[in-house]
PDB file of N, CA and C in Angstrom:
ATOM      1  N   MET A   1       0.844  -1.170   0.000  1.00  0.00           N
ATOM      2  CA  MET A   1       0.000   0.000   0.000  1.00  0.00           C
ATOM      3  C   MET A   1       0.900   1.248   0.000  1.00  0.00           C
ATOM      4  N   PRO A   2       0.705   2.183  -0.954  1.00  0.00           N
ATOM      5  CA  PRO A   2       1.561   3.376  -1.015  1.00  0.00           C
ATOM      6  C   PRO A   2       1.317   4.304   0.177  1.00  0.00           C
ATOM      7  N   ARG A   3       2.395   4.930   0.594  1.00  0.00           N
ATOM      8  CA  ARG A   3       2.295   5.891   1.706  1.00  0.00           C
ATOM      9  C   ARG A   3       1.626   7.161   1.227  1.00  0.00           C
ATOM     10  N   GLN A   4       0.789   7.722   2.077  1.00  0.00           N
ATOM     11  CA  GLN A   4       0.165   8.994   1.735  1.00  0.00           C
ATOM     12  C   GLN A   4       1.174  10.098   1.957  1.00  0.00           C
ATOM     13  N   ARG A   5       1.138  11.027   1.066  1.00  0.00           N
ATOM     14  CA  ARG A   5       2.067  12.152   1.162  1.00  0.00           C
ATOM     15  C   ARG A   5       1.329  13.342   1.760  1.00  0.00           C
ATOM     16  N   PHE A   6       1.927  13.924   2.764  1.00  0.00           N
ATOM     17  CA  PHE A   6       1.339  15.082   3.426  1.00  0.00           C
ATOM     18  C   PHE A   6       1.838  16.340   2.729  1.00  0.00           C
ATOM     19  N   VAL A   7       0.929  17.105   2.160  1.00  0.00           N
ATOM     20  CA  VAL A   7       1.300  18.314   1.435  1.00  0.00           C
ATOM     21  C   VAL A   7       0.812  19.522   2.221  1.00  0.00           C
ATOM     22  N   LEU A   8       1.727  20.436   2.501  1.00  0.00           N
ATOM     23  CA  LEU A   8       1.356  21.664   3.198  1.00  0.00           C
ATOM     24  C   LEU A   8       0.844  22.689   2.196  1.00  0.00           C
ATOM     25  N   SER A   9      -0.205  23.338   2.560  1.00  0.00           N
ATOM     26  CA  SER A   9      -0.766  24.374   1.703  1.00  0.00           C
ATOM     27  C   SER A   9      -0.512  25.725   2.344  1.00  0.00           C
ATOM     28  N   GLY A  10      -0.219  26.717   1.510  1.00  0.00           N
ATOM     29  CA  GLY A  10      -0.032  28.073   2.010  1.00  0.00           C
ATOM     30  C   GLY A  10      -1.299  28.679   2.556  1.00  0.00           C
ATOM     31  N   TYR A  11      -2.425  27.990   2.306  1.00  0.00           N
ATOM     32  CA  TYR A  11      -3.706  28.501   2.798  1.00  0.00           C
ATOM     33  C   TYR A  11      -4.116  27.850   4.112  1.00  0.00           C
ATOM     34  N   THR A  12      -3.443  26.760   4.495  1.00  0.00           N
ATOM     35  CA  THR A  12      -3.783  26.133   5.773  1.00  0.00           C
ATOM     36  C   THR A  12      -2.708  26.371   6.827  1.00  0.00           C
ATOM     37  N   THR A  13      -1.459  26.557   6.405  1.00  0.00           N
ATOM     38  CA  THR A  13      -0.422  26.876   7.385  1.00  0.00           C
ATOM     39  C   THR A  13      -0.579  28.338   7.779  1.00  0.00           C
ATOM     40  N   MET A  14      -0.316  28.622   9.031  1.00  0.00           N
ATOM     41  CA  MET A  14      -0.605  29.939   9.586  1.00  0.00           C
ATOM     42  C   MET A  14       0.652  30.598  10.146  1.00  0.00           C
ATOM     43  N   VAL A  15       0.600  31.913  10.232  1.00  0.00           N
ATOM     44  CA  VAL A  15       1.618  32.679  10.942  1.00  0.00           C
ATOM     45  C   VAL A  15       0.887  33.440  12.047  1.00  0.00           C
ATOM     46  N   LEU A  16       1.284  33.184  13.274  1.00  0.00           N
ATOM     47  CA  LEU A  16       0.676  33.842  14.432  1.00  0.00           C
ATOM     48  C   LEU A  16       1.536  35.030  14.821  1.00  0.00           C
ATOM     49  N   PHE A  17       0.934  36.193  14.838  1.00  0.00           N
ATOM     50  CA  PHE A  17       1.612  37.427  15.249  1.00  0.00           C
ATOM     51  C   PHE A  17       1.232  37.746  16.685  1.00  0.00           C
ATOM     52  N   VAL A  18       2.199  38.170  17.477  1.00  0.00           N
ATOM     53  CA  VAL A  18       1.954  38.711  18.814  1.00  0.00           C
ATOM     54  C   VAL A  18       2.597  40.089  18.840  1.00  0.00           C
ATOM     55  N   LEU A  19       1.762  41.095  19.069  1.00  0.00           N
ATOM     56  CA  LEU A  19       2.224  42.486  19.128  1.00  0.00           C
ATOM     57  C   LEU A  19       1.911  42.998  20.530  1.00  0.00           C
ATOM     58  N   PHE A  20       2.872  43.633  21.167  1.00  0.00           N
ATOM     59  CA  PHE A  20       2.602  44.051  22.535  1.00  0.00           C
ATOM     60  C   PHE A  20       3.246  45.387  22.864  1.00  0.00           C
ATOM     61  N   ASP A  21       2.642  46.026  23.836  1.00  0.00           N
ATOM     62  CA  ASP A  21       3.133  47.287  24.387  1.00  0.00           C
ATOM     63  C   ASP A  21       3.040  47.141  25.899  1.00  0.00           C
ATOM     64  N   LEU A  22       4.152  46.869  26.528  1.00  0.00           N
ATOM     65  CA  LEU A  22       4.172  46.622  27.964  1.00  0.00           C
ATOM     66  C   LEU A  22       4.964  47.710  28.679  1.00  0.00           C
ATOM     67  N   PRO A  23       4.500  48.097  29.863  1.00  0.00           N
ATOM     68  CA  PRO A  23       5.238  49.131  30.605  1.00  0.00           C
ATOM     69  C   PRO A  23       6.577  48.590  31.109  1.00  0.00           C
ATOM     70  N   VAL A  24       7.562  49.481  31.197  1.00  0.00           N
ATOM     71  CA  VAL A  24       8.890  49.093  31.704  1.00  0.00           C
ATOM     72  C   VAL A  24       9.429  50.159  32.670  1.00  0.00           C
ATOM     73  N   LYS A  25       8.521  50.853  33.332  1.00  0.00           N
ATOM     74  CA  LYS A  25       8.943  51.951  34.219  1.00  0.00           C
ATOM     75  C   LYS A  25       9.530  51.450  35.532  1.00  0.00           C
ATOM     76  N   THR A  26       8.919  50.441  36.118  1.00  0.00           N
ATOM     77  CA  THR A  26       9.396  49.959  37.412  1.00  0.00           C
ATOM     78  C   THR A  26      10.183  48.658  37.229  1.00  0.00           C
ATOM     79  N   LYS A  27      10.882  48.277  38.284  1.00  0.00           N
ATOM     80  CA  LYS A  27      11.642  47.029  38.257  1.00  0.00           C
ATOM     81  C   LYS A  27      10.702  45.842  38.018  1.00  0.00           C
ATOM     82  N   ARG A  28       9.534  45.875  38.669  1.00  0.00           N
ATOM     83  CA  ARG A  28       8.543  44.802  38.495  1.00  0.00           C
ATOM     84  C   ARG A  28       8.049  44.757  37.049  1.00  0.00           C
ATOM     85  N   ASP A  29       7.791  45.931  36.448  1.00  0.00           N
ATOM     86  CA  ASP A  29       7.356  45.991  35.043  1.00  0.00           C
ATOM     87  C   ASP A  29       8.405  45.360  34.123  1.00  0.00           C
ATOM     88  N   ARG A  30       9.663  45.706  34.350  1.00  0.00           N
ATOM     89  CA  ARG A  30      10.739  45.171  33.510  1.00  0.00           C
ATOM     90  C   ARG A  30      10.858  43.651  33.665  1.00  0.00           C
ATOM     91  N   LYS A  31      10.665  43.177  34.883  1.00  0.00           N
ATOM     92  CA  LYS A  31      10.713  41.733  35.133  1.00  0.00           C
ATOM     93  C   LYS A  31       9.556  41.029  34.417  1.00  0.00           C
ATOM     94  N   ASN A  32       8.350  41.617  34.483  1.00  0.00           N
ATOM     95  CA  ASN A  32       7.195  41.046  33.785  1.00  0.00           C
ATOM     96  C   ASN A  32       7.416  41.044  32.268  1.00  0.00           C
ATOM     97  N   TYR A  33       7.986  42.121  31.759  1.00  0.00           N
ATOM     98  CA  TYR A  33       8.293  42.220  30.329  1.00  0.00           C
ATOM     99  C   TYR A  33       9.268  41.109  29.920  1.00  0.00           C
ATOM    100  N   ALA A  34      10.343  40.963  30.690  1.00  0.00           N
ATOM    101  CA  ALA A  34      11.358  39.956  30.381  1.00  0.00           C
ATOM    102  C   ALA A  34      10.773  38.545  30.444  1.00  0.00           C
ATOM    103  N   ARG A  35       9.936  38.296  31.434  1.00  0.00           N
ATOM    104  CA  ARG A  35       9.318  36.970  31.573  1.00  0.00           C
ATOM    105  C   ARG A  35       8.403  36.677  30.379  1.00  0.00           C
ATOM    106  N   PHE A  36       7.607  37.674  29.963  1.00  0.00           N
ATOM    107  CA  PHE A  36       6.696  37.493  28.829  1.00  0.00           C
ATOM    108  C   PHE A  36       7.491  37.218  27.554  1.00  0.00           C
ATOM    109  N   ARG A  37       8.518  38.018  27.319  1.00  0.00           N
ATOM    110  CA  ARG A  37       9.345  37.858  26.122  1.00  0.00           C
ATOM    111  C   ARG A  37      10.035  36.482  26.125  1.00  0.00           C
ATOM    112  N   LYS A  38      10.530  36.053  27.276  1.00  0.00           N
ATOM    113  CA  LYS A  38      11.193  34.753  27.392  1.00  0.00           C
ATOM    114  C   LYS A  38      10.207  33.620  27.084  1.00  0.00           C
ATOM    115  N   THR A  39       8.979  33.754  27.543  1.00  0.00           N
ATOM    116  CA  THR A  39       7.955  32.748  27.251  1.00  0.00           C
ATOM    117  C   THR A  39       7.719  32.642  25.753  1.00  0.00           C
ATOM    118  N   LEU A  40       7.643  33.793  25.073  1.00  0.00           N
ATOM    119  CA  LEU A  40       7.452  33.775  23.620  1.00  0.00           C
ATOM    120  C   LEU A  40       8.604  33.049  22.937  1.00  0.00           C
ATOM    121  N   LEU A  41       9.827  33.377  23.311  1.00  0.00           N
ATOM    122  CA  LEU A  41      10.996  32.755  22.694  1.00  0.00           C
ATOM    123  C   LEU A  41      11.039  31.246  22.963  1.00  0.00           C
ATOM    124  N   GLU A  42      10.726  30.850  24.190  1.00  0.00           N
ATOM    125  CA  GLU A  42      10.721  29.420  24.534  1.00  0.00           C
ATOM    126  C   GLU A  42       9.626  28.670  23.789  1.00  0.00           C
ATOM    127  N   ASP A  43       8.557  29.367  23.409  1.00  0.00           N
ATOM    128  CA  ASP A  43       7.449  28.738  22.683  1.00  0.00           C
ATOM    129  C   ASP A  43       7.675  28.766  21.172  1.00  0.00           C
ATOM    130  N   GLY A  44       8.851  29.199  20.736  1.00  0.00           N
ATOM    131  CA  GLY A  44       9.180  29.130  19.315  1.00  0.00           C
ATOM    132  C   GLY A  44       8.894  30.381  18.511  1.00  0.00           C
ATOM    133  N   PHE A  45       8.586  31.480  19.171  1.00  0.00           N
ATOM    134  CA  PHE A  45       8.361  32.735  18.460  1.00  0.00           C
ATOM    135  C   PHE A  45       9.698  33.370  18.092  1.00  0.00           C
ATOM    136  N   SER A  46       9.681  34.155  17.034  1.00  0.00           N
ATOM    137  CA  SER A  46      10.863  34.899  16.602  1.00  0.00           C
ATOM    138  C   SER A  46      10.513  36.377  16.551  1.00  0.00           C
ATOM    139  N   MET A  47      11.450  37.210  16.953  1.00  0.00           N
ATOM    140  CA  MET A  47      11.229  38.649  16.916  1.00  0.00           C
ATOM    141  C   MET A  47      11.471  39.158  15.495  1.00  0.00           C
ATOM    142  N   ILE A  48      10.484  39.895  14.936  1.00  0.00           N
ATOM    143  CA  ILE A  48      10.709  40.519  13.634  1.00  0.00           C
ATOM    144  C   ILE A  48      10.852  42.032  13.772  1.00  0.00           C
ATOM    145  N   GLN A  49      10.399  42.578  14.876  1.00  0.00           N
ATOM    146  CA  GLN A  49      10.606  43.972  15.254  1.00  0.00           C
ATOM    147  C   GLN A  49      10.490  44.012  16.763  1.00  0.00           C
ATOM    148  N   TYR A  50      10.922  45.106  17.370  1.00  0.00           N
ATOM    149  CA  TYR A  50      10.721  45.223  18.807  1.00  0.00           C
ATOM    150  C   TYR A  50       9.234  45.098  19.090  1.00  0.00           C
ATOM    151  N   SER A  51       8.879  44.252  20.023  1.00  0.00           N
ATOM    152  CA  SER A  51       7.500  44.027  20.450  1.00  0.00           C
ATOM    153  C   SER A  51       6.608  43.426  19.375  1.00  0.00           C
ATOM    154  N   VAL A  52       7.188  42.840  18.331  1.00  0.00           N
ATOM    155  CA  VAL A  52       6.424  42.114  17.303  1.00  0.00           C
ATOM    156  C   VAL A  52       7.110  40.763  17.096  1.00  0.00           C
ATOM    157  N   TYR A  53       6.392  39.703  17.442  1.00  0.00           N
ATOM    158  CA  TYR A  53       6.931  38.346  17.348  1.00  0.00           C
ATOM    159  C   TYR A  53       6.018  37.498  16.476  1.00  0.00           C
ATOM    160  N   ILE A  54       6.597  36.529  15.771  1.00  0.00           N
ATOM    161  CA  ILE A  54       5.806  35.642  14.928  1.00  0.00           C
ATOM    162  C   ILE A  54       6.183  34.188  15.205  1.00  0.00           C
ATOM    163  N   ARG A  55       5.218  33.314  14.881  1.00  0.00           N
ATOM    164  CA  ARG A  55       5.463  31.878  14.985  1.00  0.00           C
ATOM    165  C   ARG A  55       4.707  31.195  13.860  1.00  0.00           C
ATOM    166  N   PHE A  56       5.392  30.330  13.131  1.00  0.00           N
ATOM    167  CA  PHE A  56       4.759  29.564  12.065  1.00  0.00           C
ATOM    168  C   PHE A  56       4.054  28.363  12.683  1.00  0.00           C
ATOM    169  N   CYS A  57       2.831  28.089  12.211  1.00  0.00           N
ATOM    170  CA  CYS A  57       2.024  26.986  12.725  1.00  0.00           C
ATOM    171  C   CYS A  57       1.468  26.194  11.546  1.00  0.00           C
ATOM    172  N   LEU A  58       1.433  24.881  11.678  1.00  0.00           N
ATOM    173  CA  LEU A  58       0.958  24.035  10.586  1.00  0.00           C
ATOM    174  C   LEU A  58      -0.547  24.104  10.382  1.00  0.00           C
ATOM    175  N   SER A  59      -1.298  24.581  11.384  1.00  0.00           N
ATOM    176  CA  SER A  59      -2.752  24.657  11.251  1.00  0.00           C
ATOM    177  C   SER A  59      -3.304  25.682  12.235  1.00  0.00           C
ATOM    178  N   GLU A  60      -4.576  25.982  12.065  1.00  0.00           N
ATOM    179  CA  GLU A  60      -5.270  26.894  12.980  1.00  0.00           C
ATOM    180  C   GLU A  60      -5.341  26.283  14.378  1.00  0.00           C
ATOM    181  N   GLU A  61      -5.476  24.962  14.460  1.00  0.00           N
ATOM    182  CA  GLU A  61      -5.550  24.282  15.760  1.00  0.00           C
ATOM    183  C   GLU A  61      -4.234  24.445  16.523  1.00  0.00           C
ATOM    184  N   ILE A  62      -3.129  24.280  15.830  1.00  0.00           N
ATOM    185  CA  ILE A  62      -1.822  24.446  16.477  1.00  0.00           C
ATOM    186  C   ILE A  62      -1.628  25.906  16.885  1.00  0.00           C
ATOM    187  N   ALA A  63      -2.072  26.840  16.056  1.00  0.00           N
ATOM    188  CA  ALA A  63      -1.990  28.264  16.411  1.00  0.00           C
ATOM    189  C   ALA A  63      -2.783  28.524  17.691  1.00  0.00           C
ATOM    190  N   GLY A  64      -3.924  27.838  17.840  1.00  0.00           N
ATOM    191  CA  GLY A  64      -4.739  27.986  19.054  1.00  0.00           C
ATOM    192  C   GLY A  64      -3.981  27.568  20.303  1.00  0.00           C
ATOM    193  N   LYS A  65      -3.175  26.525  20.192  1.00  0.00           N
ATOM    194  CA  LYS A  65      -2.361  26.069  21.333  1.00  0.00           C
ATOM    195  C   LYS A  65      -1.383  27.169  21.744  1.00  0.00           C
ATOM    196  N   HIS A  66      -0.767  27.809  20.773  1.00  0.00           N
ATOM    197  CA  HIS A  66       0.212  28.855  21.082  1.00  0.00           C
ATOM    198  C   HIS A  66      -0.478  30.136  21.566  1.00  0.00           C
ATOM    199  N   ARG A  67      -1.691  30.383  21.096  1.00  0.00           N
ATOM    200  CA  ARG A  67      -2.464  31.514  21.639  1.00  0.00           C
ATOM    201  C   ARG A  67      -2.715  31.317  23.134  1.00  0.00           C
ATOM    202  N   ARG A  68      -3.062  30.080  23.520  1.00  0.00           N
ATOM    203  CA  ARG A  68      -3.287  29.796  24.942  1.00  0.00           C
ATOM    204  C   ARG A  68      -2.023  30.046  25.760  1.00  0.00           C
ATOM    205  N   THR A  69      -0.868  29.666  25.221  1.00  0.00           N
ATOM    206  CA  THR A  69       0.400  29.905  25.921  1.00  0.00           C
ATOM    207  C   THR A  69       0.612  31.395  26.145  1.00  0.00           C
ATOM    208  N   VAL A  70       0.310  32.209  25.132  1.00  0.00           N
ATOM    209  CA  VAL A  70       0.469  33.660  25.252  1.00  0.00           C
ATOM    210  C   VAL A  70      -0.502  34.194  26.297  1.00  0.00           C
ATOM    211  N   ARG A  71      -1.758  33.738  26.252  1.00  0.00           N
ATOM    212  CA  ARG A  71      -2.759  34.198  27.241  1.00  0.00           C
ATOM    213  C   ARG A  71      -2.316  33.875  28.670  1.00  0.00           C
ATOM    214  N   GLU A  72      -1.769  32.687  28.860  1.00  0.00           N
ATOM    215  CA  GLU A  72      -1.338  32.271  30.202  1.00  0.00           C
ATOM    216  C   GLU A  72      -0.138  33.077  30.690  1.00  0.00           C
ATOM    217  N   ALA A  73       0.647  33.633  29.769  1.00  0.00           N
ATOM    218  CA  ALA A  73       1.849  34.391  30.141  1.00  0.00           C
ATOM    219  C   ALA A  73       1.589  35.887  30.244  1.00  0.00           C
ATOM    220  N   LEU A  74       0.348  36.316  30.037  1.00  0.00           N
ATOM    221  CA  LEU A  74       0.046  37.751  30.037  1.00  0.00           C
ATOM    222  C   LEU A  74       0.506  38.440  31.308  1.00  0.00           C
ATOM    223  N   PRO A  75       1.240  39.527  31.167  1.00  0.00           N
ATOM    224  CA  PRO A  75       1.605  40.309  32.348  1.00  0.00           C
ATOM    225  C   PRO A  75       0.367  41.040  32.878  1.00  0.00           C
ATOM    226  N   PRO A  76       0.413  41.486  34.121  1.00  0.00           N
ATOM    227  CA  PRO A  76      -0.759  42.149  34.694  1.00  0.00           C
ATOM    228  C   PRO A  76      -1.090  43.503  34.059  1.00  0.00           C
ATOM    229  N   ARG A  77      -0.090  44.151  33.448  1.00  0.00           N
ATOM    230  CA  ARG A  77      -0.330  45.463  32.836  1.00  0.00           C
ATOM    231  C   ARG A  77       0.166  45.463  31.401  1.00  0.00           C
ATOM    232  N   GLY A  78      -0.397  46.356  30.590  1.00  0.00           N
ATOM    233  CA  GLY A  78       0.038  46.484  29.207  1.00  0.00           C
ATOM    234  C   GLY A  78      -0.979  45.918  28.238  1.00  0.00           C
ATOM    235  N   MET A  79      -0.665  46.004  26.953  1.00  0.00           N
ATOM    236  CA  MET A  79      -1.566  45.521  25.908  1.00  0.00           C
ATOM    237  C   MET A  79      -0.852  44.486  25.046  1.00  0.00           C
ATOM    238  N   VAL A  80      -1.574  43.415  24.729  1.00  0.00           N
ATOM    239  CA  VAL A  80      -1.060  42.365  23.858  1.00  0.00           C
ATOM    240  C   VAL A  80      -2.118  42.078  22.810  1.00  0.00           C
ATOM    241  N   HIS A  81      -1.705  42.021  21.545  1.00  0.00           N
ATOM    242  CA  HIS A  81      -2.613  41.710  20.442  1.00  0.00           C
ATOM    243  C   HIS A  81      -2.098  40.456  19.749  1.00  0.00           C
ATOM    244  N   MET A  82      -3.020  39.600  19.307  1.00  0.00           N
ATOM    245  CA  MET A  82      -2.648  38.415  18.535  1.00  0.00           C
ATOM    246  C   MET A  82      -3.451  38.407  17.247  1.00  0.00           C
ATOM    247  N   MET A  83      -2.803  37.920  16.192  1.00  0.00           N
ATOM    248  CA  MET A  83      -3.452  37.873  14.889  1.00  0.00           C
ATOM    249  C   MET A  83      -2.828  36.730  14.093  1.00  0.00           C
ATOM    250  N   THR A  84      -3.643  36.012  13.324  1.00  0.00           N
ATOM    251  CA  THR A  84      -3.095  34.992  12.440  1.00  0.00           C
ATOM    252  C   THR A  84      -3.381  35.380  11.000  1.00  0.00           C
ATOM    253  N   VAL A  85      -2.437  35.041  10.150  1.00  0.00           N
ATOM    254  CA  VAL A  85      -2.613  35.186   8.709  1.00  0.00           C
ATOM    255  C   VAL A  85      -2.149  33.872   8.090  1.00  0.00           C
ATOM    256  N   THR A  86      -2.605  33.584   6.894  1.00  0.00           N
ATOM    257  CA  THR A  86      -2.130  32.375   6.232  1.00  0.00           C
ATOM    258  C   THR A  86      -0.686  32.587   5.789  1.00  0.00           C
ATOM    259  N   SER A  87       0.008  31.499   5.589  1.00  0.00           N
ATOM    260  CA  SER A  87       1.396  31.599   5.109  1.00  0.00           C
ATOM    261  C   SER A  87       1.439  32.300   3.757  1.00  0.00           C
ATOM    262  N   ARG A  88       0.430  32.065   2.942  1.00  0.00           N
ATOM    263  CA  ARG A  88       0.368  32.715   1.627  1.00  0.00           C
ATOM    264  C   ARG A  88       0.263  34.235   1.788  1.00  0.00           C
ATOM    265  N   GLN A  89      -0.575  34.696   2.713  1.00  0.00           N
ATOM    266  CA  GLN A  89      -0.685  36.138   2.962  1.00  0.00           C
ATOM    267  C   GLN A  89       0.631  36.689   3.498  1.00  0.00           C
ATOM    268  N   PHE A  90       1.269  35.927   4.387  1.00  0.00           N
ATOM    269  CA  PHE A  90       2.536  36.365   4.967  1.00  0.00           C
ATOM    270  C   PHE A  90       3.599  36.528   3.884  1.00  0.00           C
ATOM    271  N   GLN A  91       3.610  35.622   2.910  1.00  0.00           N
ATOM    272  CA  GLN A  91       4.580  35.701   1.826  1.00  0.00           C
ATOM    273  C   GLN A  91       4.410  36.958   0.988  1.00  0.00           C
ATOM    274  N   LYS A  92       3.200  37.515   0.989  1.00  0.00           N
ATOM    275  CA  LYS A  92       2.942  38.719   0.197  1.00  0.00           C
ATOM    276  C   LYS A  92       3.320  39.996   0.941  1.00  0.00           C
ATOM    277  N   MET A  93       3.760  39.868   2.196  1.00  0.00           N
ATOM    278  CA  MET A  93       4.126  41.033   2.983  1.00  0.00           C
ATOM    279  C   MET A  93       5.339  41.716   2.355  1.00  0.00           C
ATOM    280  N   GLU A  94       5.292  43.014   2.263  1.00  0.00           N
ATOM    281  CA  GLU A  94       6.428  43.784   1.760  1.00  0.00           C
ATOM    282  C   GLU A  94       7.284  44.212   2.940  1.00  0.00           C
ATOM    283  N   ASN A  95       8.563  44.016   2.820  1.00  0.00           N
ATOM    284  CA  ASN A  95       9.504  44.450   3.845  1.00  0.00           C
ATOM    285  C   ASN A  95      10.300  45.617   3.274  1.00  0.00           C
ATOM    286  N   LEU A  96      10.035  46.785   3.766  1.00  0.00           N
ATOM    287  CA  LEU A  96      10.688  47.988   3.267  1.00  0.00           C
ATOM    288  C   LEU A  96      11.716  48.448   4.287  1.00  0.00           C
ATOM    289  N   VAL A  97      12.916  48.641   3.819  1.00  0.00           N
ATOM    290  CA  VAL A  97      13.991  49.081   4.696  1.00  0.00           C
ATOM    291  C   VAL A  97      14.555  50.363   4.113  1.00  0.00           C
ATOM    292  N   GLY A  98      14.516  51.411   4.884  1.00  0.00           N
ATOM    293  CA  GLY A  98      15.044  52.683   4.412  1.00  0.00           C
ATOM    294  C   GLY A  98      16.560  52.659   4.342  1.00  0.00           C
ATOM    295  N   ALA A  99      17.081  53.511   3.509  1.00  0.00           N
ATOM    296  CA  ALA A  99      18.537  53.630   3.384  1.00  0.00           C
ATOM    297  C   ALA A  99      19.092  54.240   4.659  1.00  0.00           C
ATOM    298  N   ARG A 100      20.315  53.913   4.937  1.00  0.00           N
ATOM    299  CA  ARG A 100      20.954  54.522   6.107  1.00  0.00           C
ATOM    300  C   ARG A 100      21.102  56.018   5.868  1.00  0.00           C
ATOM    301  N   GLU A 101      20.960  56.741   6.951  1.00  0.00           N
ATOM    302  CA  GLU A 101      21.083  58.193   6.851  1.00  0.00           C
ATOM    303  C   GLU A 101      22.497  58.567   6.465  1.00  0.00           C
ATOM    304  N   LYS A 102      22.607  59.379   5.444  1.00  0.00           N
ATOM    305  CA  LYS A 102      23.932  59.837   5.027  1.00  0.00           C
ATOM    306  C   LYS A 102      24.305  61.076   5.818  1.00  0.00           C
ATOM    307  N   VAL A 103      25.528  61.121   6.222  1.00  0.00           N
ATOM    308  CA  VAL A 103      26.017  62.320   6.896  1.00  0.00           C
ATOM    309  C   VAL A 103      26.296  63.345   5.799  1.00  0.00           C
ATOM    310  N   PRO A 104      25.706  64.534   5.911  1.00  0.00           N
ATOM    311  CA  PRO A 104      25.948  65.526   4.860  1.00  0.00           C
ATOM    312  C   PRO A 104      27.430  65.824   4.720  1.00  0.00           C
ATOM    313  N   GLU A 105      27.850  65.913   3.490  1.00  0.00           N
ATOM    314  CA  GLU A 105      29.267  66.198   3.253  1.00  0.00           C
ATOM    315  C   GLU A 105      29.588  67.603   3.711  1.00  0.00           C
ATOM    316  N   ARG A 106      30.777  67.713   4.298  1.00  0.00           N
ATOM    317  CA  ARG A 106      31.241  69.009   4.759  1.00  0.00           C
ATOM    318  C   ARG A 106      31.835  69.758   3.583  1.00  0.00           C
ATOM    319  N   GLU A 107      31.613  71.029   3.563  1.00  0.00           N
ATOM    320  CA  GLU A 107      32.209  71.849   2.513  1.00  0.00           C
ATOM    321  C   GLU A 107      33.723  71.792   2.641  1.00  0.00           C
ATOM    322  N   PRO A 108      34.444  71.551   1.552  1.00  0.00           N
ATOM    323  CA  PRO A 108      35.905  71.461   1.654  1.00  0.00           C
ATOM    324  C   PRO A 108      36.519  72.805   2.019  1.00  0.00           C
ATOM    325  N   ASP A 109      37.632  72.731   2.690  1.00  0.00           N
ATOM    326  CA  ASP A 109      38.375  73.959   2.995  1.00  0.00           C
ATOM    327  C   ASP A 109      38.874  74.578   1.689  1.00  0.00           C
ATOM    328  N   LEU A 110      38.953  75.866   1.677  1.00  0.00           N
ATOM    329  CA  LEU A 110      39.434  76.549   0.486  1.00  0.00           C
ATOM    330  C   LEU A 110      40.877  76.169   0.162  1.00  0.00           C
ATOM    331  N   ALA A 111      41.645  75.809   1.152  1.00  0.00           N
ATOM    332  CA  ALA A 111      43.041  75.458   0.944  1.00  0.00           C
ATOM    333  C   ALA A 111      43.181  74.230   0.060  1.00  0.00           C
ATOM    334  N   THR A 112      42.166  73.357   0.007  1.00  0.00           N
ATOM    335  CA  THR A 112      42.271  72.139  -0.792  1.00  0.00           C
ATOM    336  C   THR A 112      42.126  72.419  -2.277  1.00  0.00           C
ATOM    337  N   PHE A 113      41.662  73.605  -2.673  1.00  0.00           N
ATOM    338  CA  PHE A 113      41.510  73.938  -4.090  1.00  0.00           C
ATOM    339  C   PHE A 113      42.816  74.397  -4.728  1.00  0.00           C
ATOM    340  N   TYR A 114      43.782  74.728  -3.937  1.00  0.00           N
ATOM    341  CA  TYR A 114      45.035  75.309  -4.478  1.00  0.00           C
ATOM    342  C   TYR A 114      46.006  74.265  -4.816  1.00  0.00           C
TER     343      TYR A 114
END
């Protein structure tokens, strides 16, 4: 009997986004922030920007498991948002990176013209 081949579809695999804004004013706030961030990293999330983490999931059900992990790690203060998109939608994301700021050239000394 031939083995069935499991094919992943860009429409069923998901990318789970976690976006957060947590206070860091007090020592306790910073500790809560660090604990939350560590939980995300231990659960397989990757940072794509400060306070924006993503995790690839094979299905919506698996994404639900990781959503529960995030909910359980919620700090007492701050805001956390979660969103899933299909892998196909994620692939269409544009990543725009601005050029590094150029330092304006200094006017040459007149002595260099002679």
